[in-house]
C-alpha atoms as a PDB file:
ATOM      1  CA  UNK A   1     -44.250  14.215 -52.231  1.00  0.00           C
ATOM      2  CA  UNK A   2     -44.521  16.189 -55.249  1.00  0.00           C
ATOM      3  CA  UNK A   3     -44.311  19.993 -55.410  1.00  0.00           C
ATOM      4  CA  UNK A   4     -43.895  22.752 -57.809  1.00  0.00           C
ATOM      5  CA  UNK A   5     -40.747  24.918 -57.425  1.00  0.00           C
ATOM      6  CA  UNK A   6     -38.920  27.454 -59.198  1.00  0.00           C
ATOM      7  CA  UNK A   7     -35.567  26.337 -60.268  1.00  0.00           C
ATOM      8  CA  UNK A   8     -32.703  29.354 -60.329  1.00  0.00           C
ATOM      9  CA  UNK A   9     -29.790  29.335 -61.889  1.00  0.00           C
ATOM     10  CA  UNK A  10     -26.785  31.513 -61.635  1.00  0.00           C
ATOM     11  CA  UNK A  11     -23.658  32.148 -63.487  1.00  0.00           C
ATOM     12  CA  UNK A  12     -20.323  33.416 -62.671  1.00  0.00           C
ATOM     13  CA  UNK A  13     -21.238  33.530 -59.024  1.00  0.00           C
ATOM     14  CA  UNK A  14     -20.727  30.139 -58.799  1.00  0.00           C
ATOM     15  CA  UNK A  15     -17.059  30.441 -59.903  1.00  0.00           C
ATOM     16  CA  UNK A  16     -16.632  32.406 -56.682  1.00  0.00           C
ATOM     17  CA  UNK A  17     -14.635  31.507 -53.447  1.00  0.00           C
ATOM     18  CA  UNK A  18     -17.285  30.178 -51.033  1.00  0.00           C
ATOM     19  CA  UNK A  19     -16.750  33.814 -48.218  1.00  0.00           C
ATOM     20  CA  UNK A  20     -17.845  35.835 -51.782  1.00  0.00           C
ATOM     21  CA  UNK A  21     -20.326  33.481 -53.171  1.00  0.00           C
ATOM     22  CA  UNK A  22     -22.052  33.473 -50.161  1.00  0.00           C
ATOM     23  CA  UNK A  23     -22.201  36.947 -50.089  1.00  0.00           C
ATOM     24  CA  UNK A  24     -23.574  37.592 -53.607  1.00  0.00           C
ATOM     25  CA  UNK A  25     -26.429  34.884 -53.177  1.00  0.00           C
ATOM     26  CA  UNK A  26     -27.422  36.696 -49.475  1.00  0.00           C
ATOM     27  CA  UNK A  27     -27.631  39.868 -51.379  1.00  0.00           C
ATOM     28  CA  UNK A  28     -29.267  38.134 -54.867  1.00  0.00           C
ATOM     29  CA  UNK A  29     -31.863  36.358 -52.365  1.00  0.00           C
ATOM     30  CA  UNK A  30     -32.622  39.940 -50.699  1.00  0.00           C
ATOM     31  CA  UNK A  31     -32.968  41.388 -54.511  1.00  0.00           C
ATOM     32  CA  UNK A  32     -35.502  38.744 -55.131  1.00  0.00           C
ATOM     33  CA  UNK A  33     -37.445  39.361 -52.032  1.00  0.00           C
ATOM     34  CA  UNK A  34     -37.678  43.088 -52.605  1.00  0.00           C
ATOM     35  CA  UNK A  35     -39.036  42.370 -56.096  1.00  0.00           C
ATOM     36  CA  UNK A  36     -41.625  39.696 -55.303  1.00  0.00           C
ATOM     37  CA  UNK A  37     -42.879  42.350 -52.050  1.00  0.00           C
ATOM     38  CA  UNK A  38     -42.931  45.097 -53.943  1.00  0.00           C
ATOM     39  CA  UNK A  39     -45.456  43.118 -56.519  1.00  0.00           C
ATOM     40  CA  UNK A  40     -47.541  41.918 -53.458  1.00  0.00           C
ATOM     41  CA  UNK A  41     -46.363  38.695 -54.235  1.00  0.00           C
ATOM     42  CA  UNK A  42     -45.934  35.876 -51.376  1.00  0.00           C
ATOM     43  CA  UNK A  43     -42.962  33.189 -51.873  1.00  0.00           C
ATOM     44  CA  UNK A  44     -40.804  30.556 -49.823  1.00  0.00           C
ATOM     45  CA  UNK A  45     -36.839  30.820 -50.961  1.00  0.00           C
ATOM     46  CA  UNK A  46     -34.397  28.007 -50.471  1.00  0.00           C
ATOM     47  CA  UNK A  47     -30.914  27.415 -51.161  1.00  0.00           C
ATOM     48  CA  UNK A  48     -28.097  24.930 -51.789  1.00  0.00           C
ATOM     49  CA  UNK A  49     -24.554  25.461 -53.686  1.00  0.00           C
ATOM     50  CA  UNK A  50     -25.385  26.520 -57.283  1.00  0.00           C
ATOM     51  CA  UNK A  51     -29.224  26.717 -56.757  1.00  0.00           C
ATOM     52  CA  UNK A  52     -32.112  28.622 -55.677  1.00  0.00           C
ATOM     53  CA  UNK A  53     -35.295  27.210 -55.873  1.00  0.00           C
ATOM     54  CA  UNK A  54     -38.634  29.219 -55.284  1.00  0.00           C
ATOM     55  CA  UNK A  55     -42.145  28.361 -54.305  1.00  0.00           C
ATOM     56  CA  UNK A  56     -44.861  30.877 -55.025  1.00  0.00           C
ATOM     57  CA  UNK A  57     -48.684  30.373 -55.340  1.00  0.00           C
ATOM     58  CA  UNK A  58     -48.903  33.331 -58.478  1.00  0.00           C
ATOM     59  CA  UNK A  59     -45.978  31.455 -60.739  1.00  0.00           C
ATOM     60  CA  UNK A  60     -46.925  33.053 -63.945  1.00  0.00           C
ATOM     61  CA  UNK A  61     -46.402  36.489 -62.304  1.00  0.00           C
ATOM     62  CA  UNK A  62     -43.355  34.874 -60.519  1.00  0.00           C
ATOM     63  CA  UNK A  63     -41.865  34.183 -64.078  1.00  0.00           C
ATOM     64  CA  UNK A  64     -42.745  37.973 -65.016  1.00  0.00           C
ATOM     65  CA  UNK A  65     -40.744  39.314 -62.159  1.00  0.00           C
ATOM     66  CA  UNK A  66     -37.674  37.006 -62.562  1.00  0.00           C
ATOM     67  CA  UNK A  67     -36.759  38.100 -65.690  1.00  0.00           C
ATOM     68  CA  UNK A  68     -36.083  41.492 -64.092  1.00  0.00           C
ATOM     69  CA  UNK A  69     -33.759  40.652 -61.693  1.00  0.00           C
ATOM     70  CA  UNK A  70     -29.945  40.826 -62.307  1.00  0.00           C
ATOM     71  CA  UNK A  71     -28.046  38.126 -61.500  1.00  0.00           C
ATOM     72  CA  UNK A  72     -30.883  35.317 -62.752  1.00  0.00           C
ATOM     73  CA  UNK A  73     -29.098  33.787 -65.502  1.00  0.00           C
ATOM     74  CA  UNK A  74     -32.105  31.158 -66.303  1.00  0.00           C
ATOM     75  CA  UNK A  75     -34.732  29.450 -64.167  1.00  0.00           C
ATOM     76  CA  UNK A  76     -37.235  26.865 -64.936  1.00  0.00           C
ATOM     77  CA  UNK A  77     -40.408  26.081 -63.135  1.00  0.00           C
ATOM     78  CA  UNK A  78     -39.965  22.333 -62.229  1.00  0.00           C
ATOM     79  CA  UNK A  79     -41.919  19.538 -60.386  1.00  0.00           C
ATOM     80  CA  UNK A  80     -39.648  18.631 -57.714  1.00  0.00           C
ATOM     81  CA  UNK A  81     -39.979  14.519 -56.640  1.00  0.00           C
ATOM     82  CA  UNK A  82     -37.394  12.221 -55.101  1.00  0.00           C
ATOM     83  CA  UNK A  83     -34.870  10.583 -57.139  1.00  0.00           C
ATOM     84  CA  UNK A  84     -35.728   7.327 -57.466  1.00  0.00           C
ATOM     85  CA  UNK A  85     -36.393   6.504 -61.173  1.00  0.00           C
ATOM     86  CA  UNK A  86     -39.718   5.116 -61.453  1.00  0.00           C
ATOM     87  CA  UNK A  87     -40.889   8.409 -59.408  1.00  0.00           C
ATOM     88  CA  UNK A  88     -39.401  10.498 -62.180  1.00  0.00           C
ATOM     89  CA  UNK A  89     -40.632   8.393 -65.066  1.00  0.00           C
ATOM     90  CA  UNK A  90     -43.661   9.126 -63.384  1.00  0.00           C
ATOM     91  CA  UNK A  91     -43.290  12.867 -63.566  1.00  0.00           C
ATOM     92  CA  UNK A  92     -42.029  12.315 -66.906  1.00  0.00           C
ATOM     93  CA  UNK A  93     -44.699  11.042 -68.456  1.00  0.00           C
ATOM     94  CA  UNK A  94     -47.582  12.962 -67.096  1.00  0.00           C
ATOM     95  CA  UNK A  95     -45.283  16.280 -68.627  1.00  0.00           C
ATOM     96  CA  UNK A  96     -45.009  14.664 -71.981  1.00  0.00           C
ATOM     97  CA  UNK A  97     -48.208  12.606 -72.498  1.00  0.00           C
ATOM     98  CA  UNK A  98     -50.211  15.373 -74.112  1.00  0.00           C
ATOM     99  CA  UNK A  99     -47.246  16.693 -75.869  1.00  0.00           C
ATOM    100  CA  UNK A 100     -45.500  13.962 -77.726  1.00  0.00           C
ATOM    101  CA  UNK A 101     -47.073  11.977 -80.790  1.00  0.00           C
ATOM    102  CA  UNK A 102     -45.607   9.559 -83.080  1.00  0.00           C
ATOM    103  CA  UNK A 103     -45.259  11.797 -85.453  1.00  0.00           C
ATOM    104  CA  UNK A 104     -42.794  14.079 -82.804  1.00  0.00           C
ATOM    105  CA  UNK A 105     -38.920  13.653 -81.236  1.00  0.00           C
ATOM    106  CA  UNK A 106     -37.854  14.080 -78.003  1.00  0.00           C
ATOM    107  CA  UNK A 107     -34.173  14.012 -76.104  1.00  0.00           C
ATOM    108  CA  UNK A 108     -34.391  13.171 -72.459  1.00  0.00           C
ATOM    109  CA  UNK A 109     -31.219  15.794 -70.732  1.00  0.00           C
ATOM    110  CA  UNK A 110     -30.078  14.773 -67.018  1.00  0.00           C
ATOM    111  CA  UNK A 111     -27.892  15.870 -65.048  1.00  0.00           C
ATOM    112  CA  UNK A 112     -26.714  14.543 -61.293  1.00  0.00           C
ATOM    113  CA  UNK A 113     -24.717  15.960 -58.246  1.00  0.00           C
ATOM    114  CA  UNK A 114     -24.467  13.704 -55.313  1.00  0.00           C
ATOM    115  CA  UNK A 115     -23.663   9.795 -54.911  1.00  0.00           C
ATOM    116  CA  UNK A 116     -26.614   7.554 -56.604  1.00  0.00           C
ATOM    117  CA  UNK A 117     -26.465   4.150 -58.244  1.00  0.00           C
ATOM    118  CA  UNK A 118     -27.304   4.832 -61.469  1.00  0.00           C
ATOM    119  CA  UNK A 119     -25.574   7.650 -63.934  1.00  0.00           C
ATOM    120  CA  UNK A 120     -27.187  10.338 -65.565  1.00  0.00           C
ATOM    121  CA  UNK A 121     -27.135   8.241 -68.684  1.00  0.00           C
ATOM    122  CA  UNK A 122     -28.968   5.249 -66.913  1.00  0.00           C
ATOM    123  CA  UNK A 123     -31.450   7.632 -66.105  1.00  0.00           C
ATOM    124  CA  UNK A 124     -31.842   8.739 -69.626  1.00  0.00           C
ATOM    125  CA  UNK A 125     -32.026   5.307 -71.023  1.00  0.00           C
ATOM    126  CA  UNK A 126     -34.769   4.251 -68.666  1.00  0.00           C
ATOM    127  CA  UNK A 127     -36.891   7.076 -68.791  1.00  0.00           C
ATOM    128  CA  UNK A 128     -36.747   7.953 -72.344  1.00  0.00           C
ATOM    129  CA  UNK A 129     -37.778   4.175 -72.817  1.00  0.00           C
ATOM    130  CA  UNK A 130     -40.759   4.661 -71.170  1.00  0.00           C
ATOM    131  CA  UNK A 131     -41.606   8.098 -73.120  1.00  0.00           C
ATOM    132  CA  UNK A 132     -41.366   5.773 -76.407  1.00  0.00           C
ATOM    133  CA  UNK A 133     -43.529   3.370 -74.902  1.00  0.00           C
ATOM    134  CA  UNK A 134     -46.557   5.140 -73.720  1.00  0.00           C
ATOM    135  CA  UNK A 135     -46.466   8.108 -76.675  1.00  0.00           C
ATOM    136  CA  UNK A 136     -44.536   6.123 -79.654  1.00  0.00           C
ATOM    137  CA  UNK A 137     -42.497   9.359 -80.021  1.00  0.00           C
ATOM    138  CA  UNK A 138     -39.122   8.890 -81.298  1.00  0.00           C
ATOM    139  CA  UNK A 139     -35.727  10.067 -79.533  1.00  0.00           C
ATOM    140  CA  UNK A 140     -33.795  12.552 -81.460  1.00  0.00           C
ATOM    141  CA  UNK A 141     -30.603  13.733 -79.133  1.00  0.00           C
ATOM    142  CA  UNK A 142     -29.159  16.253 -81.876  1.00  0.00           C
ATOM    143  CA  UNK A 143     -32.082  18.480 -82.737  1.00  0.00           C
ATOM    144  CA  UNK A 144     -35.739  17.299 -81.113  1.00  0.00           C
ATOM    145  CA  UNK A 145     -39.000  18.825 -80.908  1.00  0.00           C
ATOM    146  CA  UNK A 146     -39.511  18.299 -77.373  1.00  0.00           C
ATOM    147  CA  UNK A 147     -36.491  18.250 -74.289  1.00  0.00           C
ATOM    148  CA  UNK A 148     -37.514  16.918 -70.847  1.00  0.00           C
ATOM    149  CA  UNK A 149     -34.688  18.125 -68.557  1.00  0.00           C
ATOM    150  CA  UNK A 150     -34.055  16.191 -65.362  1.00  0.00           C
ATOM    151  CA  UNK A 151     -31.549  17.673 -62.643  1.00  0.00           C
ATOM    152  CA  UNK A 152     -31.132  15.090 -59.745  1.00  0.00           C
ATOM    153  CA  UNK A 153     -29.579  16.407 -56.827  1.00  0.00           C
ATOM    154  CA  UNK A 154     -29.036  13.987 -53.599  1.00  0.00           C
ATOM    155  CA  UNK A 155     -31.991  12.531 -52.603  1.00  0.00           C
ATOM    156  CA  UNK A 156     -34.524  15.088 -54.847  1.00  0.00           C
ATOM    157  CA  UNK A 157     -35.377  15.476 -58.474  1.00  0.00           C
ATOM    158  CA  UNK A 158     -36.468  18.611 -60.921  1.00  0.00           C
ATOM    159  CA  UNK A 159     -38.485  17.339 -64.196  1.00  0.00           C
ATOM    160  CA  UNK A 160     -38.984  20.714 -66.498  1.00  0.00           C
ATOM    161  CA  UNK A 161     -39.862  21.036 -70.249  1.00  0.00           C
ATOM    162  CA  UNK A 162     -38.660  24.799 -70.403  1.00  0.00           C
ATOM    163  CA  UNK A 163     -35.265  27.089 -69.467  1.00  0.00           C
ATOM    164  CA  UNK A 164     -36.575  30.980 -69.134  1.00  0.00           C
ATOM    165  CA  UNK A 165     -33.724  33.362 -70.181  1.00  0.00           C
ATOM    166  CA  UNK A 166     -33.162  35.912 -67.098  1.00  0.00           C
ATOM    167  CA  UNK A 167     -31.245  39.143 -67.347  1.00  0.00           C
ATOM    168  CA  UNK A 168     -27.901  37.749 -66.195  1.00  0.00           C
ATOM    169  CA  UNK A 169     -25.139  39.475 -65.047  1.00  0.00           C
ATOM    170  CA  UNK A 170     -24.019  40.174 -60.801  1.00  0.00           C
ATOM    171  CA  UNK A 171     -26.735  40.577 -58.164  1.00  0.00           C
ATOM    172  CA  UNK A 172     -27.797  44.918 -58.109  1.00  0.00           C
ATOM    173  CA  UNK A 173     -25.732  46.158 -55.236  1.00  0.00           C
ATOM    174  CA  UNK A 174     -22.784  43.563 -55.136  1.00  0.00           C
ATOM    175  CA  UNK A 175     -20.269  46.218 -56.991  1.00  0.00           C
ATOM    176  CA  UNK A 176     -19.682  49.890 -56.661  1.00  0.00           C
ATOM    177  CA  UNK A 177     -21.478  52.859 -56.746  1.00  0.00           C
ATOM    178  CA  UNK A 178     -21.760  54.920 -60.032  1.00  0.00           C
ATOM    179  CA  UNK A 179     -23.020  58.698 -60.877  1.00  0.00           C
ATOM    180  CA  UNK A 180     -24.950  58.408 -64.069  1.00  0.00           C
ATOM    181  CA  UNK A 181     -24.616  61.066 -65.982  1.00  0.00           C
ATOM    182  CA  UNK A 182     -28.459  61.698 -67.868  1.00  0.00           C
ATOM    183  CA  UNK A 183     -28.422  63.583 -70.664  1.00  0.00           C
ATOM    184  CA  UNK A 184     -31.468  61.851 -72.392  1.00  0.00           C
ATOM    185  CA  UNK A 185     -32.549  58.215 -72.453  1.00  0.00           C
ATOM    186  CA  UNK A 186     -29.697  56.695 -73.985  1.00  0.00           C
ATOM    187  CA  UNK A 187     -28.007  57.373 -70.511  1.00  0.00           C
ATOM    188  CA  UNK A 188     -30.396  55.079 -68.661  1.00  0.00           C
ATOM    189  CA  UNK A 189     -29.084  52.541 -71.040  1.00  0.00           C
ATOM    190  CA  UNK A 190     -25.355  53.048 -69.956  1.00  0.00           C
ATOM    191  CA  UNK A 191     -27.335  52.597 -66.205  1.00  0.00           C
ATOM    192  CA  UNK A 192     -28.485  49.319 -67.097  1.00  0.00           C
ATOM    193  CA  UNK A 193     -25.138  48.101 -68.259  1.00  0.00           C
ATOM    194  CA  UNK A 194     -23.809  48.917 -64.757  1.00  0.00           C
ATOM    195  CA  UNK A 195     -26.697  48.093 -62.742  1.00  0.00           C
ATOM    196  CA  UNK A 196     -26.421  44.787 -64.801  1.00  0.00           C
ATOM    197  CA  UNK A 197     -22.601  44.172 -63.058  1.00  0.00           C
ATOM    198  CA  UNK A 198     -23.786  44.925 -59.577  1.00  0.00           C
ATOM    199  CA  UNK A 199     -23.338  48.510 -59.569  1.00  0.00           C
ATOM    200  CA  UNK A 200     -26.233  50.862 -57.557  1.00  0.00           C
ATOM    201  CA  UNK A 201     -26.664  54.273 -59.409  1.00  0.00           C
ATOM    202  CA  UNK A 202     -26.685  58.115 -58.639  1.00  0.00           C
ATOM    203  CA  UNK A 203     -28.884  59.577 -61.218  1.00  0.00           C
ATOM    204  CA  UNK A 204     -27.422  63.495 -61.864  1.00  0.00           C
ATOM    205  CA  UNK A 205     -30.090  64.940 -64.350  1.00  0.00           C
ATOM    206  CA  UNK A 206     -29.387  67.789 -66.813  1.00  0.00           C
ATOM    207  CA  UNK A 207     -31.451  70.582 -67.983  1.00  0.00           C
ATOM    208  CA  UNK A 208     -34.557  69.028 -67.211  1.00  0.00           C
ATOM    209  CA  UNK A 209     -34.343  65.481 -67.845  1.00  0.00           C
ATOM    210  CA  UNK A 210     -37.349  63.466 -67.313  1.00  0.00           C
ATOM    211  CA  UNK A 211     -37.197  62.416 -64.228  1.00  0.00           C
ATOM    212  CA  UNK A 212     -40.513  60.165 -64.596  1.00  0.00           C
ATOM    213  CA  UNK A 213     -38.744  58.259 -67.207  1.00  0.00           C
ATOM    214  CA  UNK A 214     -36.040  57.427 -64.978  1.00  0.00           C
ATOM    215  CA  UNK A 215     -38.224  56.597 -61.927  1.00  0.00           C
ATOM    216  CA  UNK A 216     -40.202  54.362 -64.264  1.00  0.00           C
ATOM    217  CA  UNK A 217     -37.383  52.145 -65.555  1.00  0.00           C
ATOM    218  CA  UNK A 218     -35.933  51.875 -62.013  1.00  0.00           C
ATOM    219  CA  UNK A 219     -39.696  50.479 -60.565  1.00  0.00           C
ATOM    220  CA  UNK A 220     -39.236  48.161 -63.733  1.00  0.00           C
ATOM    221  CA  UNK A 221     -36.151  46.722 -62.856  1.00  0.00           C
ATOM    222  CA  UNK A 222     -36.936  46.801 -58.956  1.00  0.00           C
ATOM    223  CA  UNK A 223     -33.266  49.371 -57.989  1.00  0.00           C
ATOM    224  CA  UNK A 224     -33.672  52.260 -56.102  1.00  0.00           C
ATOM    225  CA  UNK A 225     -31.606  55.185 -56.746  1.00  0.00           C
ATOM    226  CA  UNK A 226     -30.948  58.924 -55.574  1.00  0.00           C
ATOM    227  CA  UNK A 227     -31.751  61.827 -58.561  1.00  0.00           C
ATOM    228  CA  UNK A 228     -30.110  64.990 -58.482  1.00  0.00           C
ATOM    229  CA  UNK A 229     -31.139  67.505 -60.455  1.00  0.00           C
ATOM    230  CA  UNK A 230     -28.578  70.046 -62.160  1.00  0.00           C
ATOM    231  CA  UNK A 231     -28.358  72.746 -64.801  1.00  0.00           C
ATOM    232  CA  UNK A 232     -25.961  73.168 -66.876  1.00  0.00           C
ATOM    233  CA  UNK A 233     -25.045  76.905 -67.777  1.00  0.00           C
ATOM    234  CA  UNK A 234     -20.865  77.097 -67.180  1.00  0.00           C
ATOM    235  CA  UNK A 235     -17.625  75.725 -67.637  1.00  0.00           C
ATOM    236  CA  UNK A 236     -17.890  74.681 -63.781  1.00  0.00           C
ATOM    237  CA  UNK A 237     -20.343  72.178 -64.627  1.00  0.00           C
ATOM    238  CA  UNK A 238     -17.879  69.094 -64.818  1.00  0.00           C
ATOM    239  CA  UNK A 239     -16.122  70.380 -61.721  1.00  0.00           C
ATOM    240  CA  UNK A 240     -19.396  70.283 -59.700  1.00  0.00           C
ATOM    241  CA  UNK A 241     -20.133  66.886 -61.410  1.00  0.00           C
ATOM    242  CA  UNK A 242     -17.193  65.438 -59.761  1.00  0.00           C
ATOM    243  CA  UNK A 243     -17.670  67.295 -55.997  1.00  0.00           C
ATOM    244  CA  UNK A 244     -21.612  64.990 -55.862  1.00  0.00           C
ATOM    245  CA  UNK A 245     -18.841  62.307 -57.088  1.00  0.00           C
ATOM    246  CA  UNK A 246     -17.196  62.788 -54.601  1.00  0.00           C
ATOM    247  CA  UNK A 247     -19.812  63.602 -51.415  1.00  0.00           C
ATOM    248  CA  UNK A 248     -21.810  60.623 -53.008  1.00  0.00           C
ATOM    249  CA  UNK A 249     -18.814  58.331 -52.649  1.00  0.00           C
ATOM    250  CA  UNK A 250     -19.377  57.076 -56.054  1.00  0.00           C
ATOM    251  CA  UNK A 251     -16.162  55.034 -57.384  1.00  0.00           C
ATOM    252  CA  UNK A 252     -16.906  55.751 -61.414  1.00  0.00           C
ATOM    253  CA  UNK A 253     -18.764  58.830 -63.562  1.00  0.00           C
ATOM    254  CA  UNK A 254     -20.854  57.133 -66.354  1.00  0.00           C
ATOM    255  CA  UNK A 255     -22.001  58.648 -69.664  1.00  0.00           C
ATOM    256  CA  UNK A 256     -23.842  58.259 -72.604  1.00  0.00           C
ATOM    257  CA  UNK A 257     -21.259  58.224 -75.323  1.00  0.00           C
ATOM    258  CA  UNK A 258     -21.123  56.714 -78.618  1.00  0.00           C
ATOM    259  CA  UNK A 259     -18.397  57.195 -81.712  1.00  0.00           C
ATOM    260  CA  UNK A 260     -21.303  58.296 -83.605  1.00  0.00           C
ATOM    261  CA  UNK A 261     -20.919  61.471 -82.145  1.00  0.00           C
ATOM    262  CA  UNK A 262     -17.884  62.301 -82.881  1.00  0.00           C
ATOM    263  CA  UNK A 263     -15.570  64.229 -82.274  1.00  0.00           C
ATOM    264  CA  UNK A 264     -17.488  65.837 -79.664  1.00  0.00           C
ATOM    265  CA  UNK A 265     -17.912  62.399 -77.802  1.00  0.00           C
ATOM    266  CA  UNK A 266     -14.070  61.974 -77.395  1.00  0.00           C
ATOM    267  CA  UNK A 267     -13.331  65.647 -76.374  1.00  0.00           C
ATOM    268  CA  UNK A 268     -16.557  65.642 -73.836  1.00  0.00           C
ATOM    269  CA  UNK A 269     -15.075  62.317 -72.587  1.00  0.00           C
ATOM    270  CA  UNK A 270     -11.350  64.191 -72.299  1.00  0.00           C
ATOM    271  CA  UNK A 271     -12.826  67.132 -70.424  1.00  0.00           C
ATOM    272  CA  UNK A 272     -14.268  64.512 -68.110  1.00  0.00           C
ATOM    273  CA  UNK A 273     -11.489  62.905 -67.477  1.00  0.00           C
ATOM    274  CA  UNK A 274      -9.324  66.382 -66.926  1.00  0.00           C
ATOM    275  CA  UNK A 275     -11.463  67.395 -64.243  1.00  0.00           C
ATOM    276  CA  UNK A 276     -12.403  64.830 -62.134  1.00  0.00           C
ATOM    277  CA  UNK A 277     -10.355  62.866 -60.068  1.00  0.00           C
ATOM    278  CA  UNK A 278     -12.297  58.987 -60.646  1.00  0.00           C
ATOM    279  CA  UNK A 279     -13.002  56.719 -63.656  1.00  0.00           C
ATOM    280  CA  UNK A 280     -14.698  57.700 -66.784  1.00  0.00           C
ATOM    281  CA  UNK A 281     -16.878  54.593 -68.150  1.00  0.00           C
ATOM    282  CA  UNK A 282     -18.593  54.825 -71.384  1.00  0.00           C
ATOM    283  CA  UNK A 283     -20.747  51.888 -71.564  1.00  0.00           C
ATOM    284  CA  UNK A 284     -22.177  52.384 -74.797  1.00  0.00           C
ATOM    285  CA  UNK A 285     -19.091  53.534 -76.758  1.00  0.00           C
ATOM    286  CA  UNK A 286     -19.016  51.312 -79.248  1.00  0.00           C
ATOM    287  CA  UNK A 287     -22.481  51.110 -80.558  1.00  0.00           C
ATOM    288  CA  UNK A 288     -24.938  53.050 -83.296  1.00  0.00           C
ATOM    289  CA  UNK A 289     -27.422  54.886 -83.195  1.00  0.00           C
ATOM    290  CA  UNK A 290     -29.639  52.170 -83.670  1.00  0.00           C
ATOM    291  CA  UNK A 291     -28.137  50.051 -81.445  1.00  0.00           C
ATOM    292  CA  UNK A 292     -28.926  52.259 -78.682  1.00  0.00           C
ATOM    293  CA  UNK A 293     -32.056  52.635 -79.867  1.00  0.00           C
ATOM    294  CA  UNK A 294     -33.252  49.216 -79.957  1.00  0.00           C
ATOM    295  CA  UNK A 295     -31.655  48.129 -76.760  1.00  0.00           C
ATOM    296  CA  UNK A 296     -34.017  50.744 -74.962  1.00  0.00           C
ATOM    297  CA  UNK A 297     -37.154  49.519 -76.401  1.00  0.00           C
ATOM    298  CA  UNK A 298     -35.472  46.326 -75.203  1.00  0.00           C
ATOM    299  CA  UNK A 299     -34.691  47.385 -71.721  1.00  0.00           C
ATOM    300  CA  UNK A 300     -38.083  49.448 -71.484  1.00  0.00           C
ATOM    301  CA  UNK A 301     -36.691  52.911 -71.886  1.00  0.00           C
ATOM    302  CA  UNK A 302     -38.488  55.476 -73.911  1.00  0.00           C
ATOM    303  CA  UNK A 303     -36.341  56.919 -76.736  1.00  0.00           C
END
């Protein structure tokens, strides 16, 4: 029986050892379930090596949610059927009959995992010919107007027409904890880059930084974090910051310094390193102001 499913892909997780990969997958699935629960969208999840399969009654909203979960490289809304060539061809023709015309070109991209009485090229040729017969469109493997993807995995196959880009990175919560010094909106962008690498964050706001903005950012990216307000009034500030980092068991402190703000940026970083016993991270250091503002907008951070 055919069914509609969202096929999730992750990248560097698949390169880890079996134990680490299983741990990372567990965290990623937990984060997915949490995000969908937050949006009150019911889901069912199944897994196999290198893939996560998600089914939901609200595919449109599910697509929006998945673009904001760290660790997902890409995903596709697919139709799951058997690995029988005729079944795959039937789905392929269903997906292309209203899209392809004689003036259009297409390509069939097939990947395969498992043992089958055919090769990936056999499937692509067979289904490609069926599509040509039905639509009279032409095959173009280099620059097609339309692409049809088929993933064959064991007894199942997944047929789809689009790969939707995810945020990538590592699942949130798989790495250490970072203290984020928030002095302006771009500080939250620095946090985003570390969250994308799997780090949990503790936000320390300075001199009344907008906590509402931080909470809105966390909600958008389905993340939780403690927010600690501070007042920067004396030379002991960095010592107090170091004490908070130690109390919260943070592995590093991150700032939003960029080289656009020389020489103050370097002197601040030097002072932090002299005061704090843990590493100081500056993920935005190479960016210019326009680049920072553009990335803030793209990440849902008001500038």
